[in-house]
Structure formats: structure tokens, C-alpha cells
Amino acid sequence: MSTPTPVTHYVLVRRAGLSPDAFAERTGLHPDLARKLVALGLLDAHRDAGGEMSFEPSEVAHAARIQRLRTGLGLNYSAIG
């Protein structure tokens, strides 16, 4: 008789990330502005199977950099990206 092959089980885990509201709270940006920055390609966000957006914690620093360039130097979004 042959030996049975082991079965591998994969656990589905939700990706760790910040919701748009949590991201907005940490950065001081309005959630709609965060979505706009994603649409412009200035921030990266992931969408889950349900279509909900989430941000990596490292994107908080990117948002701060965008805010500094926008307010400090007066650059528009196309110049930043």
C-alpha cells in the first residue's frame, strides 16, 4: 500500500492594514482626500475581496511627506507624483 500524501491547509488571514478612517485619523487627512491620493497614484492601498480599502502603516509616512511638499513648497499633486 502507498503512504497517504499529507494535506496542506491554508488559513485565510485578513491583511493587516489601516482602514481609510484610521488612516485619516493618523495623518490628519480627510478620508476622501486619502482616496483621491490613491486614485492619483501618490499613495498605495490594497482592496480586499469585499472591495474595502486598507493602507499599510508605512503609507502614513508617505502621506506626511506629501503634506509637507504640498504646504511647505506649494507643489501641486502632479509635481509631487
PDB file of N, CA and C in Angstrom:
ATOM      1  N   MET A   1       0.836  -1.182   0.000  1.00  0.00           N
ATOM      2  CA  MET A   1       0.000   0.000   0.000  1.00  0.00           C
ATOM      3  C   MET A   1       0.878   1.241   0.000  1.00  0.00           C
ATOM      4  N   SER A   2       0.373   2.271  -0.572  1.00  0.00           N
ATOM      5  CA  SER A   2       1.139   3.515  -0.615  1.00  0.00           C
ATOM      6  C   SER A   2       0.805   4.373   0.603  1.00  0.00           C
ATOM      7  N   THR A   3       1.745   5.214   0.956  1.00  0.00           N
ATOM      8  CA  THR A   3       1.517   6.117   2.090  1.00  0.00           C
ATOM      9  C   THR A   3       0.719   7.321   1.613  1.00  0.00           C
ATOM     10  N   PRO A   4      -0.222   7.763   2.419  1.00  0.00           N
ATOM     11  CA  PRO A   4      -1.028   8.923   2.002  1.00  0.00           C
ATOM     12  C   PRO A   4      -0.185  10.198   2.000  1.00  0.00           C
ATOM     13  N   THR A   5      -0.470  11.050   1.047  1.00  0.00           N
ATOM     14  CA  THR A   5       0.241  12.331   0.994  1.00  0.00           C
ATOM     15  C   THR A   5      -0.359  13.281   2.025  1.00  0.00           C
ATOM     16  N   PRO A   6       0.495  14.052   2.675  1.00  0.00           N
ATOM     17  CA  PRO A   6      -0.022  14.987   3.681  1.00  0.00           C
ATOM     18  C   PRO A   6      -0.861  16.080   3.019  1.00  0.00           C
ATOM     19  N   VAL A   7      -1.864  16.497   3.722  1.00  0.00           N
ATOM     20  CA  VAL A   7      -2.760  17.541   3.228  1.00  0.00           C
ATOM     21  C   VAL A   7      -2.323  18.872   3.824  1.00  0.00           C
ATOM     22  N   THR A   8      -2.204  19.873   2.979  1.00  0.00           N
ATOM     23  CA  THR A   8      -1.824  21.201   3.434  1.00  0.00           C
ATOM     24  C   THR A   8      -3.078  22.047   3.584  1.00  0.00           C
ATOM     25  N   HIS A   9      -3.189  22.697   4.724  1.00  0.00           N
ATOM     26  CA  HIS A   9      -4.320  23.589   4.980  1.00  0.00           C
ATOM     27  C   HIS A   9      -3.810  25.020   5.019  1.00  0.00           C
ATOM     28  N   TYR A  10      -4.480  25.888   4.321  1.00  0.00           N
ATOM     29  CA  TYR A  10      -4.116  27.297   4.316  1.00  0.00           C
ATOM     30  C   TYR A  10      -5.182  28.081   5.071  1.00  0.00           C
ATOM     31  N   VAL A  11      -4.730  28.891   5.975  1.00  0.00           N
ATOM     32  CA  VAL A  11      -5.643  29.703   6.759  1.00  0.00           C
ATOM     33  C   VAL A  11      -5.741  31.073   6.103  1.00  0.00           C
ATOM     34  N   LEU A  12      -6.954  31.515   5.888  1.00  0.00           N
ATOM     35  CA  LEU A  12      -7.156  32.840   5.306  1.00  0.00           C
ATOM     36  C   LEU A  12      -7.097  33.874   6.415  1.00  0.00           C
ATOM     37  N   VAL A  13      -6.188  34.798   6.275  1.00  0.00           N
ATOM     38  CA  VAL A  13      -5.987  35.824   7.289  1.00  0.00           C
ATOM     39  C   VAL A  13      -6.188  37.176   6.633  1.00  0.00           C
ATOM     40  N   ARG A  14      -6.890  38.023   7.332  1.00  0.00           N
ATOM     41  CA  ARG A  14      -7.088  39.379   6.815  1.00  0.00           C
ATOM     42  C   ARG A  14      -5.768  40.139   6.855  1.00  0.00           C
ATOM     43  N   ARG A  15      -5.476  40.834   5.781  1.00  0.00           N
ATOM     44  CA  ARG A  15      -4.244  41.610   5.680  1.00  0.00           C
ATOM     45  C   ARG A  15      -4.259  42.717   6.728  1.00  0.00           C
ATOM     46  N   ALA A  16      -3.143  42.825   7.439  1.00  0.00           N
ATOM     47  CA  ALA A  16      -3.034  43.881   8.450  1.00  0.00           C
ATOM     48  C   ALA A  16      -2.901  45.218   7.733  1.00  0.00           C
ATOM     49  N   GLY A  17      -3.755  46.123   8.073  1.00  0.00           N
ATOM     50  CA  GLY A  17      -3.716  47.430   7.442  1.00  0.00           C
ATOM     51  C   GLY A  17      -4.635  48.391   8.160  1.00  0.00           C
ATOM     52  N   LEU A  18      -4.587  49.615   7.721  1.00  0.00           N
ATOM     53  CA  LEU A  18      -5.413  50.666   8.312  1.00  0.00           C
ATOM     54  C   LEU A  18      -6.612  50.936   7.413  1.00  0.00           C
ATOM     55  N   SER A  19      -7.766  51.047   8.014  1.00  0.00           N
ATOM     56  CA  SER A  19      -8.957  51.434   7.253  1.00  0.00           C
ATOM     57  C   SER A  19      -8.796  52.897   6.833  1.00  0.00           C
ATOM     58  N   PRO A  20      -9.560  53.353   5.855  1.00  0.00           N
ATOM     59  CA  PRO A  20      -9.459  54.772   5.469  1.00  0.00           C
ATOM     60  C   PRO A  20      -9.714  55.724   6.632  1.00  0.00           C
ATOM     61  N   ASP A  21     -10.635  55.367   7.531  1.00  0.00           N
ATOM     62  CA  ASP A  21     -10.904  56.238   8.679  1.00  0.00           C
ATOM     63  C   ASP A  21      -9.736  56.253   9.658  1.00  0.00           C
ATOM     64  N   ALA A  22      -9.144  55.085   9.931  1.00  0.00           N
ATOM     65  CA  ALA A  22      -7.990  55.026  10.832  1.00  0.00           C
ATOM     66  C   ALA A  22      -6.792  55.738  10.208  1.00  0.00           C
ATOM     67  N   PHE A  23      -6.620  55.575   8.902  1.00  0.00           N
ATOM     68  CA  PHE A  23      -5.535  56.258   8.198  1.00  0.00           C
ATOM     69  C   PHE A  23      -5.724  57.768   8.279  1.00  0.00           C
ATOM     70  N   ALA A  24      -6.950  58.221   8.066  1.00  0.00           N
ATOM     71  CA  ALA A  24      -7.248  59.655   8.137  1.00  0.00           C
ATOM     72  C   ALA A  24      -6.992  60.196   9.537  1.00  0.00           C
ATOM     73  N   GLU A  25      -7.332  59.421  10.544  1.00  0.00           N
ATOM     74  CA  GLU A  25      -7.107  59.860  11.925  1.00  0.00           C
ATOM     75  C   GLU A  25      -5.620  60.007  12.227  1.00  0.00           C
ATOM     76  N   ARG A  26      -4.813  59.081  11.722  1.00  0.00           N
ATOM     77  CA  ARG A  26      -3.366  59.143  11.980  1.00  0.00           C
ATOM     78  C   ARG A  26      -2.666  60.234  11.188  1.00  0.00           C
ATOM     79  N   THR A  27      -3.168  60.535  10.001  1.00  0.00           N
ATOM     80  CA  THR A  27      -2.481  61.501   9.140  1.00  0.00           C
ATOM     81  C   THR A  27      -3.068  62.901   9.197  1.00  0.00           C
ATOM     82  N   GLY A  28      -4.300  63.021   9.647  1.00  0.00           N
ATOM     83  CA  GLY A  28      -4.959  64.319   9.645  1.00  0.00           C
ATOM     84  C   GLY A  28      -5.602  64.658   8.313  1.00  0.00           C
ATOM     85  N   LEU A  29      -5.567  63.717   7.376  1.00  0.00           N
ATOM     86  CA  LEU A  29      -6.211  63.917   6.081  1.00  0.00           C
ATOM     87  C   LEU A  29      -7.672  63.493   6.161  1.00  0.00           C
ATOM     88  N   HIS A  30      -8.503  64.096   5.344  1.00  0.00           N
ATOM     89  CA  HIS A  30      -9.888  63.649   5.222  1.00  0.00           C
ATOM     90  C   HIS A  30      -9.879  62.315   4.458  1.00  0.00           C
ATOM     91  N   PRO A  31     -10.746  61.366   4.816  1.00  0.00           N
ATOM     92  CA  PRO A  31     -10.762  60.083   4.096  1.00  0.00           C
ATOM     93  C   PRO A  31     -10.963  60.234   2.586  1.00  0.00           C
ATOM     94  N   ASP A  32     -11.743  61.221   2.169  1.00  0.00           N
ATOM     95  CA  ASP A  32     -11.935  61.436   0.730  1.00  0.00           C
ATOM     96  C   ASP A  32     -10.645  61.894   0.054  1.00  0.00           C
ATOM     97  N   LEU A  33      -9.847  62.704   0.750  1.00  0.00           N
ATOM     98  CA  LEU A  33      -8.564  63.130   0.190  1.00  0.00           C
ATOM     99  C   LEU A  33      -7.612  61.944   0.097  1.00  0.00           C
ATOM    100  N   ALA A  34      -7.642  61.061   1.084  1.00  0.00           N
ATOM    101  CA  ALA A  34      -6.802  59.858   1.026  1.00  0.00           C
ATOM    102  C   ALA A  34      -7.184  59.015  -0.191  1.00  0.00           C
ATOM    103  N   ARG A  35      -8.476  58.866  -0.441  1.00  0.00           N
ATOM    104  CA  ARG A  35      -8.928  58.112  -1.621  1.00  0.00           C
ATOM    105  C   ARG A  35      -8.482  58.800  -2.913  1.00  0.00           C
ATOM    106  N   LYS A  36      -8.521  60.128  -2.926  1.00  0.00           N
ATOM    107  CA  LYS A  36      -8.088  60.877  -4.105  1.00  0.00           C
ATOM    108  C   LYS A  36      -6.591  60.669  -4.351  1.00  0.00           C
ATOM    109  N   LEU A  37      -5.796  60.664  -3.277  1.00  0.00           N
ATOM    110  CA  LEU A  37      -4.355  60.458  -3.422  1.00  0.00           C
ATOM    111  C   LEU A  37      -4.051  59.051  -3.937  1.00  0.00           C
ATOM    112  N   VAL A  38      -4.879  58.089  -3.556  1.00  0.00           N
ATOM    113  CA  VAL A  38      -4.732  56.733  -4.100  1.00  0.00           C
ATOM    114  C   VAL A  38      -5.067  56.743  -5.588  1.00  0.00           C
ATOM    115  N   ALA A  39      -6.146  57.415  -5.957  1.00  0.00           N
ATOM    116  CA  ALA A  39      -6.549  57.485  -7.366  1.00  0.00           C
ATOM    117  C   ALA A  39      -5.481  58.176  -8.218  1.00  0.00           C
ATOM    118  N   LEU A  40      -4.783  59.153  -7.636  1.00  0.00           N
ATOM    119  CA  LEU A  40      -3.714  59.855  -8.355  1.00  0.00           C
ATOM    120  C   LEU A  40      -2.413  59.060  -8.389  1.00  0.00           C
ATOM    121  N   GLY A  41      -2.348  57.974  -7.632  1.00  0.00           N
ATOM    122  CA  GLY A  41      -1.142  57.147  -7.603  1.00  0.00           C
ATOM    123  C   GLY A  41      -0.089  57.631  -6.630  1.00  0.00           C
ATOM    124  N   LEU A  42      -0.439  58.564  -5.743  1.00  0.00           N
ATOM    125  CA  LEU A  42       0.527  59.087  -4.777  1.00  0.00           C
ATOM    126  C   LEU A  42       0.620  58.220  -3.529  1.00  0.00           C
ATOM    127  N   LEU A  43      -0.427  57.487  -3.219  1.00  0.00           N
ATOM    128  CA  LEU A  43      -0.437  56.557  -2.089  1.00  0.00           C
ATOM    129  C   LEU A  43      -0.839  55.183  -2.598  1.00  0.00           C
ATOM    130  N   ASP A  44      -0.343  54.147  -1.934  1.00  0.00           N
ATOM    131  CA  ASP A  44      -0.717  52.775  -2.264  1.00  0.00           C
ATOM    132  C   ASP A  44      -1.740  52.279  -1.258  1.00  0.00           C
ATOM    133  N   ALA A  45      -2.739  51.605  -1.757  1.00  0.00           N
ATOM    134  CA  ALA A  45      -3.754  50.993  -0.901  1.00  0.00           C
ATOM    135  C   ALA A  45      -4.117  49.645  -1.499  1.00  0.00           C
ATOM    136  N   HIS A  46      -4.575  48.761  -0.652  1.00  0.00           N
ATOM    137  CA  HIS A  46      -4.992  47.432  -1.087  1.00  0.00           C
ATOM    138  C   HIS A  46      -6.490  47.309  -0.905  1.00  0.00           C
ATOM    139  N   ARG A  47      -7.104  46.532  -1.752  1.00  0.00           N
ATOM    140  CA  ARG A  47      -8.539  46.249  -1.618  1.00  0.00           C
ATOM    141  C   ARG A  47      -8.702  44.764  -1.340  1.00  0.00           C
ATOM    142  N   ASP A  48      -9.575  44.467  -0.382  1.00  0.00           N
ATOM    143  CA  ASP A  48      -9.846  43.071  -0.075  1.00  0.00           C
ATOM    144  C   ASP A  48     -10.923  42.544  -1.027  1.00  0.00           C
ATOM    145  N   ALA A  49     -11.324  41.299  -0.827  1.00  0.00           N
ATOM    146  CA  ALA A  49     -12.308  40.678  -1.714  1.00  0.00           C
ATOM    147  C   ALA A  49     -13.637  41.424  -1.692  1.00  0.00           C
ATOM    148  N   GLY A  50     -13.951  42.059  -0.571  1.00  0.00           N
ATOM    149  CA  GLY A  50     -15.188  42.824  -0.465  1.00  0.00           C
ATOM    150  C   GLY A  50     -15.090  44.218  -1.052  1.00  0.00           C
ATOM    151  N   GLY A  51     -13.899  44.611  -1.515  1.00  0.00           N
ATOM    152  CA  GLY A  51     -13.708  45.923  -2.104  1.00  0.00           C
ATOM    153  C   GLY A  51     -13.320  47.005  -1.117  1.00  0.00           C
ATOM    154  N   GLU A  52     -13.128  46.631   0.153  1.00  0.00           N
ATOM    155  CA  GLU A  52     -12.757  47.633   1.155  1.00  0.00           C
ATOM    156  C   GLU A  52     -11.274  47.959   1.049  1.00  0.00           C
ATOM    157  N   MET A  53     -10.967  49.240   1.137  1.00  0.00           N
ATOM    158  CA  MET A  53      -9.600  49.727   1.015  1.00  0.00           C
ATOM    159  C   MET A  53      -8.892  49.666   2.359  1.00  0.00           C
ATOM    160  N   SER A  54      -7.588  49.330   2.315  1.00  0.00           N
ATOM    161  CA  SER A  54      -6.769  49.391   3.526  1.00  0.00           C
ATOM    162  C   SER A  54      -5.383  49.896   3.146  1.00  0.00           C
ATOM    163  N   PHE A  55      -4.756  50.568   4.093  1.00  0.00           N
ATOM    164  CA  PHE A  55      -3.441  51.163   3.884  1.00  0.00           C
ATOM    165  C   PHE A  55      -2.415  50.456   4.752  1.00  0.00           C
ATOM    166  N   GLU A  56      -1.220  50.296   4.218  1.00  0.00           N
ATOM    167  CA  GLU A  56      -0.102  49.793   5.018  1.00  0.00           C
ATOM    168  C   GLU A  56       0.307  50.892   5.995  1.00  0.00           C
ATOM    169  N   PRO A  57       0.788  50.526   7.181  1.00  0.00           N
ATOM    170  CA  PRO A  57       1.233  51.556   8.134  1.00  0.00           C
ATOM    171  C   PRO A  57       2.335  52.466   7.584  1.00  0.00           C
ATOM    172  N   SER A  58       3.152  51.965   6.658  1.00  0.00           N
ATOM    173  CA  SER A  58       4.224  52.791   6.085  1.00  0.00           C
ATOM    174  C   SER A  58       3.676  53.940   5.237  1.00  0.00           C
ATOM    175  N   GLU A  59       2.436  53.840   4.805  1.00  0.00           N
ATOM    176  CA  GLU A  59       1.846  54.902   3.989  1.00  0.00           C
ATOM    177  C   GLU A  59       1.590  56.169   4.799  1.00  0.00           C
ATOM    178  N   VAL A  60       1.579  56.059   6.126  1.00  0.00           N
ATOM    179  CA  VAL A  60       1.411  57.247   6.973  1.00  0.00           C
ATOM    180  C   VAL A  60       2.578  58.207   6.735  1.00  0.00           C
ATOM    181  N   ALA A  61       3.789  57.664   6.653  1.00  0.00           N
ATOM    182  CA  ALA A  61       4.965  58.498   6.387  1.00  0.00           C
ATOM    183  C   ALA A  61       4.897  59.104   4.986  1.00  0.00           C
ATOM    184  N   HIS A  62       4.406  58.345   4.014  1.00  0.00           N
ATOM    185  CA  HIS A  62       4.272  58.886   2.657  1.00  0.00           C
ATOM    186  C   HIS A  62       3.266  60.032   2.623  1.00  0.00           C
ATOM    187  N   ALA A  63       2.180  59.877   3.367  1.00  0.00           N
ATOM    188  CA  ALA A  63       1.178  60.945   3.421  1.00  0.00           C
ATOM    189  C   ALA A  63       1.755  62.194   4.075  1.00  0.00           C
ATOM    190  N   ALA A  64       2.578  62.018   5.103  1.00  0.00           N
ATOM    191  CA  ALA A  64       3.204  63.168   5.763  1.00  0.00           C
ATOM    192  C   ALA A  64       4.143  63.889   4.799  1.00  0.00           C
ATOM    193  N   ARG A  65       4.875  63.126   3.990  1.00  0.00           N
ATOM    194  CA  ARG A  65       5.778  63.721   3.005  1.00  0.00           C
ATOM    195  C   ARG A  65       4.981  64.517   1.969  1.00  0.00           C
ATOM    196  N   ILE A  66       3.866  63.962   1.522  1.00  0.00           N
ATOM    197  CA  ILE A  66       3.017  64.656   0.549  1.00  0.00           C
ATOM    198  C   ILE A  66       2.489  65.957   1.144  1.00  0.00           C
ATOM    199  N   GLN A  67       2.068  65.906   2.401  1.00  0.00           N
ATOM    200  CA  GLN A  67       1.561  67.118   3.059  1.00  0.00           C
ATOM    201  C   GLN A  67       2.651  68.178   3.177  1.00  0.00           C
ATOM    202  N   ARG A  68       3.875  67.768   3.529  1.00  0.00           N
ATOM    203  CA  ARG A  68       4.984  68.732   3.649  1.00  0.00           C
ATOM    204  C   ARG A  68       5.289  69.380   2.307  1.00  0.00           C
ATOM    205  N   LEU A  69       5.339  68.578   1.251  1.00  0.00           N
ATOM    206  CA  LEU A  69       5.620  69.129  -0.073  1.00  0.00           C
ATOM    207  C   LEU A  69       4.500  70.049  -0.546  1.00  0.00           C
ATOM    208  N   ARG A  70       3.284  69.686  -0.221  1.00  0.00           N
ATOM    209  CA  ARG A  70       2.124  70.475  -0.662  1.00  0.00           C
ATOM    210  C   ARG A  70       2.048  71.807   0.076  1.00  0.00           C
ATOM    211  N   THR A  71       2.190  71.778   1.407  1.00  0.00           N
ATOM    212  CA  THR A  71       2.035  73.011   2.183  1.00  0.00           C
ATOM    213  C   THR A  71       3.333  73.811   2.265  1.00  0.00           C
ATOM    214  N   GLY A  72       4.452  73.134   2.428  1.00  0.00           N
ATOM    215  CA  GLY A  72       5.718  73.833   2.606  1.00  0.00           C
ATOM    216  C   GLY A  72       6.255  74.451   1.335  1.00  0.00           C
ATOM    217  N   LEU A  73       6.175  73.705   0.242  1.00  0.00           N
ATOM    218  CA  LEU A  73       6.726  74.194  -1.020  1.00  0.00           C
ATOM    219  C   LEU A  73       5.658  74.631  -2.009  1.00  0.00           C
ATOM    220  N   GLY A  74       4.405  74.371  -1.681  1.00  0.00           N
ATOM    221  CA  GLY A  74       3.319  74.774  -2.568  1.00  0.00           C
ATOM    222  C   GLY A  74       3.240  73.973  -3.852  1.00  0.00           C
ATOM    223  N   LEU A  75       3.765  72.752  -3.831  1.00  0.00           N
ATOM    224  CA  LEU A  75       3.722  71.921  -5.032  1.00  0.00           C
ATOM    225  C   LEU A  75       2.325  71.355  -5.239  1.00  0.00           C
ATOM    226  N   ASN A  76       1.925  71.245  -6.506  1.00  0.00           N
ATOM    227  CA  ASN A  76       0.646  70.596  -6.776  1.00  0.00           C
ATOM    228  C   ASN A  76       0.859  69.081  -6.833  1.00  0.00           C
ATOM    229  N   TYR A  77      -0.247  68.342  -6.911  1.00  0.00           N
ATOM    230  CA  TYR A  77      -0.150  66.887  -6.831  1.00  0.00           C
ATOM    231  C   TYR A  77       0.585  66.283  -8.021  1.00  0.00           C
ATOM    232  N   SER A  78       0.487  66.892  -9.185  1.00  0.00           N
ATOM    233  CA  SER A  78       1.202  66.332 -10.327  1.00  0.00           C
ATOM    234  C   SER A  78       2.710  66.531 -10.187  1.00  0.00           C
ATOM    235  N   ALA A  79       3.137  67.605  -9.543  1.00  0.00           N
ATOM    236  CA  ALA A  79       4.568  67.823  -9.307  1.00  0.00           C
ATOM    237  C   ALA A  79       5.102  66.879  -8.235  1.00  0.00           C
ATOM    238  N   ILE A  80       4.251  66.498  -7.286  1.00  0.00           N
ATOM    239  CA  ILE A  80       4.673  65.585  -6.219  1.00  0.00           C
ATOM    240  C   ILE A  80       4.852  64.182  -6.766  1.00  0.00           C
ATOM    241  N   GLY A  81       3.935  63.753  -7.629  1.00  0.00           N
ATOM    242  CA  GLY A  81       3.963  62.378  -8.135  1.00  0.00           C
ATOM    243  C   GLY A  81       4.843  62.277  -9.314  1.00  0.00           C
TER     244      GLY A  81
END
